[in-house]
């Protein structure tokens, strides 16, 4: 993203996350769950968008702001949105935050908290 815009007035913020078969995929998923618990963003169904379920795609396109959280540079979540012609306003990649990808599923809560913090920074004006 080249241009940063104020996002503090967005009332319908949604988040989708990778939930891939690695620690960073699960970190992305846990971060999205935490954002929903904190009522920062509504957790939205990426699988429904990827399946091109008409009502889900329409609902996703109607969001004021869409956030994608991906575990790694493959960016499955962002690409799934883009395939449905939805451009995420904020894209977070867990490995870009210095968290190493592993196929061990032992998760450190501090890792997903770091992702949540990054999303909050991106949303602030």
N, C-alpha and C. Protein backbone atom coordinates (compact mmCIF):
# COMPACT_ATOMS: atom_id res chain seq x y z
N UNK A 1 0.84 -1.18 0.00
CA UNK A 1 0.00 0.00 0.00
C UNK A 1 0.88 1.24 0.00
N UNK A 2 0.64 2.11 -0.93
CA UNK A 2 1.45 3.31 -1.03
C UNK A 2 0.89 4.45 -0.21
N UNK A 3 -0.40 4.54 -0.11
CA UNK A 3 -1.07 5.68 0.48
C UNK A 3 -1.74 5.29 1.78
N UNK A 4 -1.49 6.08 2.83
CA UNK A 4 -2.09 5.78 4.13
C UNK A 4 -3.25 6.75 4.33
N UNK A 5 -4.39 6.22 4.76
CA UNK A 5 -5.53 7.08 4.99
C UNK A 5 -6.04 6.89 6.41
N UNK A 6 -6.76 7.88 6.90
CA UNK A 6 -7.33 7.81 8.23
C UNK A 6 -8.43 6.76 8.25
N UNK A 7 -8.36 5.87 9.21
CA UNK A 7 -9.33 4.79 9.27
C UNK A 7 -10.13 4.81 10.56
N UNK A 8 -9.98 5.88 11.34
CA UNK A 8 -10.63 5.92 12.64
C UNK A 8 -12.13 6.13 12.54
N UNK A 9 -12.64 6.60 11.41
CA UNK A 9 -14.07 6.83 11.27
C UNK A 9 -14.81 5.66 10.62
N UNK A 10 -14.11 4.58 10.36
CA UNK A 10 -14.73 3.41 9.75
C UNK A 10 -15.52 2.65 10.80
N UNK A 11 -16.81 2.47 10.53
CA UNK A 11 -17.65 1.78 11.51
C UNK A 11 -17.77 0.29 11.23
N UNK A 12 -17.56 -0.12 9.98
CA UNK A 12 -17.69 -1.52 9.62
C UNK A 12 -16.33 -2.06 9.18
N UNK A 13 -15.53 -2.41 10.16
CA UNK A 13 -14.19 -2.93 9.91
C UNK A 13 -14.26 -4.45 10.02
N UNK A 14 -13.71 -5.14 9.04
CA UNK A 14 -13.72 -6.60 9.04
C UNK A 14 -12.29 -7.11 8.88
N UNK A 15 -12.05 -8.29 9.40
CA UNK A 15 -10.73 -8.91 9.31
C UNK A 15 -10.87 -10.34 8.82
N UNK A 16 -9.99 -10.72 7.91
CA UNK A 16 -9.87 -12.11 7.49
C UNK A 16 -8.44 -12.54 7.79
N UNK A 17 -8.27 -13.83 8.00
CA UNK A 17 -6.94 -14.31 8.37
C UNK A 17 -6.63 -15.64 7.72
N UNK A 18 -5.36 -15.78 7.42
CA UNK A 18 -4.82 -17.09 7.07
C UNK A 18 -4.99 -17.96 8.31
N UNK A 19 -5.26 -19.21 8.09
CA UNK A 19 -5.22 -20.14 9.22
C UNK A 19 -4.45 -21.37 8.76
N UNK A 20 -3.36 -21.10 8.04
CA UNK A 20 -2.56 -22.13 7.41
C UNK A 20 -1.91 -23.09 8.38
N UNK A 21 -1.33 -24.13 7.82
CA UNK A 21 -0.76 -25.23 8.59
C UNK A 21 0.66 -24.93 9.07
N UNK A 22 0.79 -23.80 9.76
CA UNK A 22 2.07 -23.41 10.34
C UNK A 22 1.78 -22.55 11.56
N UNK A 23 2.81 -22.30 12.33
CA UNK A 23 2.62 -21.44 13.50
C UNK A 23 2.14 -20.05 13.10
N UNK A 24 2.69 -19.49 12.02
CA UNK A 24 2.32 -18.12 11.64
C UNK A 24 0.89 -18.04 11.12
N UNK A 25 0.42 -19.11 10.49
CA UNK A 25 -0.99 -19.15 10.08
C UNK A 25 -1.91 -19.14 11.29
N UNK A 26 -1.54 -19.89 12.30
CA UNK A 26 -2.34 -19.94 13.52
C UNK A 26 -2.22 -18.64 14.32
N UNK A 27 -1.07 -18.00 14.26
CA UNK A 27 -0.90 -16.69 14.90
C UNK A 27 -1.82 -15.68 14.23
N UNK A 28 -1.87 -15.70 12.90
CA UNK A 28 -2.75 -14.80 12.16
C UNK A 28 -4.20 -15.02 12.57
N UNK A 29 -4.60 -16.27 12.65
CA UNK A 29 -5.97 -16.61 13.04
C UNK A 29 -6.27 -16.14 14.46
N UNK A 30 -5.36 -16.41 15.38
CA UNK A 30 -5.56 -15.99 16.78
C UNK A 30 -5.61 -14.47 16.90
N UNK A 31 -4.83 -13.77 16.10
CA UNK A 31 -4.86 -12.30 16.13
C UNK A 31 -6.22 -11.80 15.67
N UNK A 32 -6.77 -12.41 14.62
CA UNK A 32 -8.10 -12.01 14.14
C UNK A 32 -9.16 -12.27 15.19
N UNK A 33 -9.06 -13.40 15.87
CA UNK A 33 -10.01 -13.70 16.95
C UNK A 33 -9.92 -12.64 18.04
N UNK A 34 -8.71 -12.27 18.42
CA UNK A 34 -8.53 -11.25 19.47
C UNK A 34 -9.08 -9.90 19.03
N UNK A 35 -8.87 -9.53 17.77
CA UNK A 35 -9.42 -8.27 17.25
C UNK A 35 -10.94 -8.28 17.33
N UNK A 36 -11.55 -9.42 17.07
CA UNK A 36 -13.01 -9.55 17.17
C UNK A 36 -13.45 -9.46 18.63
N UNK A 37 -12.74 -10.14 19.53
CA UNK A 37 -13.08 -10.09 20.95
C UNK A 37 -13.01 -8.66 21.49
N UNK A 38 -12.02 -7.91 21.01
CA UNK A 38 -11.86 -6.52 21.46
C UNK A 38 -12.76 -5.56 20.70
N UNK A 39 -13.58 -6.09 19.79
CA UNK A 39 -14.53 -5.31 18.99
C UNK A 39 -13.83 -4.25 18.12
N UNK A 40 -12.63 -4.59 17.68
CA UNK A 40 -11.88 -3.71 16.79
C UNK A 40 -12.27 -3.99 15.34
N UNK A 41 -12.54 -5.27 15.06
CA UNK A 41 -12.95 -5.67 13.71
C UNK A 41 -13.81 -6.92 13.82
N UNK A 42 -14.74 -7.04 12.92
CA UNK A 42 -15.54 -8.25 12.86
C UNK A 42 -14.77 -9.32 12.10
N UNK A 43 -14.68 -10.51 12.67
CA UNK A 43 -13.98 -11.62 12.04
C UNK A 43 -14.85 -12.13 10.90
N UNK A 44 -14.33 -12.10 9.69
CA UNK A 44 -15.12 -12.45 8.52
C UNK A 44 -14.62 -13.75 7.91
N UNK A 45 -15.50 -14.48 7.26
CA UNK A 45 -15.19 -15.80 6.73
C UNK A 45 -14.47 -15.72 5.39
N UNK A 46 -13.17 -15.97 5.44
CA UNK A 46 -12.36 -15.96 4.22
C UNK A 46 -12.74 -17.11 3.29
N UNK A 47 -13.11 -18.25 3.85
CA UNK A 47 -13.48 -19.40 3.02
C UNK A 47 -14.71 -19.09 2.18
N UNK A 48 -15.67 -18.38 2.74
CA UNK A 48 -16.87 -18.01 2.00
C UNK A 48 -16.56 -17.09 0.84
N UNK A 49 -15.63 -16.17 1.05
CA UNK A 49 -15.19 -15.28 -0.03
C UNK A 49 -14.47 -16.11 -1.10
N UNK A 50 -13.58 -16.99 -0.64
CA UNK A 50 -12.81 -17.81 -1.57
C UNK A 50 -13.70 -18.74 -2.39
N UNK A 51 -14.82 -19.17 -1.81
CA UNK A 51 -15.77 -20.04 -2.50
C UNK A 51 -16.72 -19.23 -3.39
N UNK A 52 -16.56 -17.92 -3.38
CA UNK A 52 -17.39 -17.01 -4.17
C UNK A 52 -18.87 -17.17 -3.85
N UNK A 53 -19.18 -17.35 -2.57
CA UNK A 53 -20.56 -17.39 -2.13
C UNK A 53 -21.10 -15.97 -2.25
N UNK A 54 -22.07 -15.80 -3.10
CA UNK A 54 -22.52 -14.47 -3.52
C UNK A 54 -22.80 -13.51 -2.36
N UNK A 55 -23.57 -13.94 -1.39
CA UNK A 55 -23.90 -13.07 -0.27
C UNK A 55 -22.69 -12.69 0.57
N UNK A 56 -21.76 -13.62 0.71
CA UNK A 56 -20.56 -13.33 1.50
C UNK A 56 -19.63 -12.36 0.77
N UNK A 57 -19.49 -12.55 -0.53
CA UNK A 57 -18.66 -11.63 -1.32
C UNK A 57 -19.28 -10.24 -1.30
N UNK A 58 -20.59 -10.16 -1.46
CA UNK A 58 -21.28 -8.87 -1.44
C UNK A 58 -21.11 -8.19 -0.09
N UNK A 59 -21.24 -8.96 0.98
CA UNK A 59 -21.07 -8.41 2.32
C UNK A 59 -19.64 -7.92 2.54
N UNK A 60 -18.67 -8.70 2.08
CA UNK A 60 -17.27 -8.30 2.22
C UNK A 60 -16.98 -7.03 1.43
N UNK A 61 -17.53 -6.94 0.24
CA UNK A 61 -17.33 -5.73 -0.58
C UNK A 61 -18.00 -4.51 0.05
N UNK A 62 -19.03 -4.74 0.85
CA UNK A 62 -19.74 -3.65 1.50
C UNK A 62 -19.09 -3.13 2.78
N UNK A 63 -18.07 -3.81 3.24
CA UNK A 63 -17.40 -3.37 4.47
C UNK A 63 -16.73 -2.02 4.24
N UNK A 64 -16.71 -1.19 5.27
CA UNK A 64 -15.99 0.09 5.18
C UNK A 64 -14.50 -0.15 5.00
N UNK A 65 -14.01 -1.19 5.67
CA UNK A 65 -12.57 -1.42 5.68
C UNK A 65 -12.31 -2.90 5.89
N UNK A 66 -11.44 -3.48 5.08
CA UNK A 66 -11.09 -4.90 5.20
C UNK A 66 -9.62 -5.02 5.55
N UNK A 67 -9.35 -5.85 6.53
CA UNK A 67 -7.99 -6.13 6.97
C UNK A 67 -7.70 -7.59 6.64
N UNK A 68 -6.53 -7.85 6.06
CA UNK A 68 -6.11 -9.24 5.87
C UNK A 68 -4.86 -9.46 6.71
N UNK A 69 -4.85 -10.60 7.40
CA UNK A 69 -3.67 -10.99 8.17
C UNK A 69 -3.20 -12.31 7.60
N UNK A 70 -2.00 -12.29 7.06
CA UNK A 70 -1.40 -13.49 6.48
C UNK A 70 -0.24 -13.94 7.35
N UNK A 71 -0.02 -15.24 7.37
CA UNK A 71 1.08 -15.79 8.13
C UNK A 71 2.42 -15.55 7.47
N UNK A 72 2.46 -15.69 6.14
CA UNK A 72 3.75 -15.62 5.45
C UNK A 72 3.61 -14.85 4.13
N UNK A 73 4.72 -14.64 3.44
CA UNK A 73 4.69 -13.84 2.20
C UNK A 73 3.88 -14.44 1.05
N UNK A 74 3.41 -15.66 1.17
CA UNK A 74 2.55 -16.22 0.12
C UNK A 74 1.25 -15.42 0.05
N UNK A 75 0.79 -14.89 1.17
CA UNK A 75 -0.36 -13.99 1.25
C UNK A 75 -1.67 -14.61 0.76
N UNK A 76 -1.99 -15.78 1.23
CA UNK A 76 -3.22 -16.46 0.81
C UNK A 76 -4.47 -15.65 1.14
N UNK A 77 -4.52 -15.02 2.31
CA UNK A 77 -5.72 -14.26 2.69
C UNK A 77 -5.91 -13.06 1.77
N UNK A 78 -4.86 -12.27 1.60
CA UNK A 78 -4.97 -11.09 0.73
C UNK A 78 -5.30 -11.49 -0.70
N UNK A 79 -4.66 -12.54 -1.19
CA UNK A 79 -4.91 -12.97 -2.57
C UNK A 79 -6.32 -13.52 -2.75
N UNK A 80 -6.85 -14.16 -1.73
CA UNK A 80 -8.23 -14.65 -1.80
C UNK A 80 -9.19 -13.47 -1.92
N UNK A 81 -8.96 -12.43 -1.12
CA UNK A 81 -9.79 -11.22 -1.24
C UNK A 81 -9.65 -10.60 -2.62
N UNK A 82 -8.42 -10.45 -3.08
CA UNK A 82 -8.17 -9.82 -4.37
C UNK A 82 -8.80 -10.62 -5.52
N UNK A 83 -8.81 -11.94 -5.40
CA UNK A 83 -9.44 -12.77 -6.42
C UNK A 83 -10.94 -12.47 -6.52
N UNK A 84 -11.53 -12.04 -5.42
CA UNK A 84 -12.95 -11.66 -5.40
C UNK A 84 -13.11 -10.16 -5.63
N UNK A 85 -12.06 -9.50 -6.09
CA UNK A 85 -12.05 -8.06 -6.38
C UNK A 85 -12.29 -7.21 -5.14
N UNK A 86 -11.67 -7.63 -4.04
CA UNK A 86 -11.71 -6.87 -2.78
C UNK A 86 -10.28 -6.57 -2.41
N UNK A 87 -9.95 -5.30 -2.31
CA UNK A 87 -8.58 -4.91 -1.96
C UNK A 87 -8.53 -4.60 -0.47
N UNK A 88 -7.74 -5.36 0.29
CA UNK A 88 -7.65 -5.06 1.72
C UNK A 88 -7.01 -3.69 1.95
N UNK A 89 -7.61 -2.93 2.84
CA UNK A 89 -7.07 -1.60 3.17
C UNK A 89 -5.80 -1.74 4.00
N UNK A 90 -5.75 -2.79 4.80
CA UNK A 90 -4.57 -3.07 5.63
C UNK A 90 -4.18 -4.52 5.39
N UNK A 91 -2.91 -4.74 5.12
CA UNK A 91 -2.38 -6.09 4.96
C UNK A 91 -1.25 -6.27 5.96
N UNK A 92 -1.37 -7.28 6.79
CA UNK A 92 -0.33 -7.61 7.76
C UNK A 92 0.20 -8.99 7.41
N UNK A 93 1.53 -9.13 7.42
CA UNK A 93 2.16 -10.43 7.20
C UNK A 93 2.97 -10.73 8.45
N UNK A 94 2.60 -11.80 9.12
CA UNK A 94 3.20 -12.14 10.42
C UNK A 94 4.71 -12.26 10.33
N UNK A 95 5.23 -12.91 9.30
CA UNK A 95 6.69 -13.08 9.21
C UNK A 95 7.41 -11.74 9.02
N UNK A 96 6.72 -10.73 8.50
CA UNK A 96 7.32 -9.39 8.37
C UNK A 96 7.56 -8.75 9.73
N UNK A 97 6.95 -9.30 10.76
CA UNK A 97 7.11 -8.76 12.12
C UNK A 97 8.25 -9.47 12.86
N UNK A 98 9.02 -10.26 12.13
CA UNK A 98 10.17 -10.93 12.73
C UNK A 98 9.85 -12.27 13.37
N UNK A 99 8.67 -12.78 13.12
CA UNK A 99 8.27 -14.08 13.68
C UNK A 99 8.58 -15.14 12.63
N UNK A 100 9.39 -16.11 13.01
CA UNK A 100 9.84 -17.13 12.07
C UNK A 100 8.78 -18.20 11.85
N UNK A 101 8.60 -18.58 10.60
CA UNK A 101 7.63 -19.62 10.25
C UNK A 101 8.17 -20.99 10.65
N UNK A 102 7.28 -21.78 11.23
CA UNK A 102 7.62 -23.13 11.65
C UNK A 102 6.38 -24.01 11.51
N UNK A 103 6.59 -25.29 11.32
CA UNK A 103 5.44 -26.18 11.25
C UNK A 103 5.15 -26.82 12.61
N UNK A 104 5.84 -26.36 13.62
CA UNK A 104 5.49 -26.74 14.99
C UNK A 104 4.36 -25.83 15.42
N UNK A 105 3.39 -26.35 16.08
CA UNK A 105 2.20 -25.57 16.42
C UNK A 105 2.24 -24.97 17.82
N UNK A 106 3.40 -24.98 18.45
CA UNK A 106 3.52 -24.34 19.76
C UNK A 106 3.49 -22.83 19.54
N UNK A 107 2.48 -22.18 20.11
CA UNK A 107 2.31 -20.75 19.88
C UNK A 107 2.66 -19.95 21.13
N UNK A 108 3.27 -18.82 20.89
CA UNK A 108 3.59 -17.89 21.95
C UNK A 108 2.52 -16.79 21.92
N UNK A 109 1.74 -16.62 22.99
CA UNK A 109 0.70 -15.58 22.99
C UNK A 109 1.25 -14.19 22.66
N UNK A 110 2.49 -13.94 22.99
CA UNK A 110 3.09 -12.65 22.67
C UNK A 110 3.17 -12.39 21.18
N UNK A 111 3.24 -13.46 20.40
CA UNK A 111 3.31 -13.29 18.95
C UNK A 111 2.01 -12.75 18.38
N UNK A 112 0.88 -13.34 18.77
CA UNK A 112 -0.37 -12.82 18.20
C UNK A 112 -0.70 -11.46 18.80
N UNK A 113 -0.26 -11.20 20.03
CA UNK A 113 -0.44 -9.86 20.61
C UNK A 113 0.34 -8.82 19.81
N UNK A 114 1.50 -9.21 19.30
CA UNK A 114 2.30 -8.31 18.46
C UNK A 114 1.55 -7.98 17.17
N UNK A 115 0.88 -8.97 16.60
CA UNK A 115 0.10 -8.75 15.38
C UNK A 115 -1.09 -7.83 15.67
N UNK A 116 -1.78 -8.07 16.77
CA UNK A 116 -2.91 -7.21 17.17
C UNK A 116 -2.43 -5.77 17.35
N UNK A 117 -1.31 -5.59 17.99
CA UNK A 117 -0.74 -4.25 18.19
C UNK A 117 -0.46 -3.58 16.85
N UNK A 118 0.08 -4.33 15.89
CA UNK A 118 0.38 -3.77 14.58
C UNK A 118 -0.90 -3.33 13.86
N UNK A 119 -1.96 -4.13 13.95
CA UNK A 119 -3.23 -3.75 13.33
C UNK A 119 -3.74 -2.47 13.97
N UNK A 120 -3.69 -2.39 15.29
CA UNK A 120 -4.15 -1.19 15.99
C UNK A 120 -3.35 0.03 15.55
N UNK A 121 -2.04 -0.12 15.37
CA UNK A 121 -1.22 1.00 14.87
C UNK A 121 -1.65 1.43 13.48
N UNK A 122 -1.92 0.46 12.63
CA UNK A 122 -2.34 0.77 11.25
C UNK A 122 -3.71 1.47 11.23
N UNK A 123 -4.57 1.17 12.18
CA UNK A 123 -5.90 1.77 12.22
C UNK A 123 -5.91 3.17 12.82
N UNK A 124 -4.90 3.48 13.60
CA UNK A 124 -4.91 4.79 14.28
C UNK A 124 -4.64 5.93 13.32
N UNK A 125 -5.17 7.10 13.67
CA UNK A 125 -5.01 8.27 12.79
C UNK A 125 -3.91 9.18 13.30
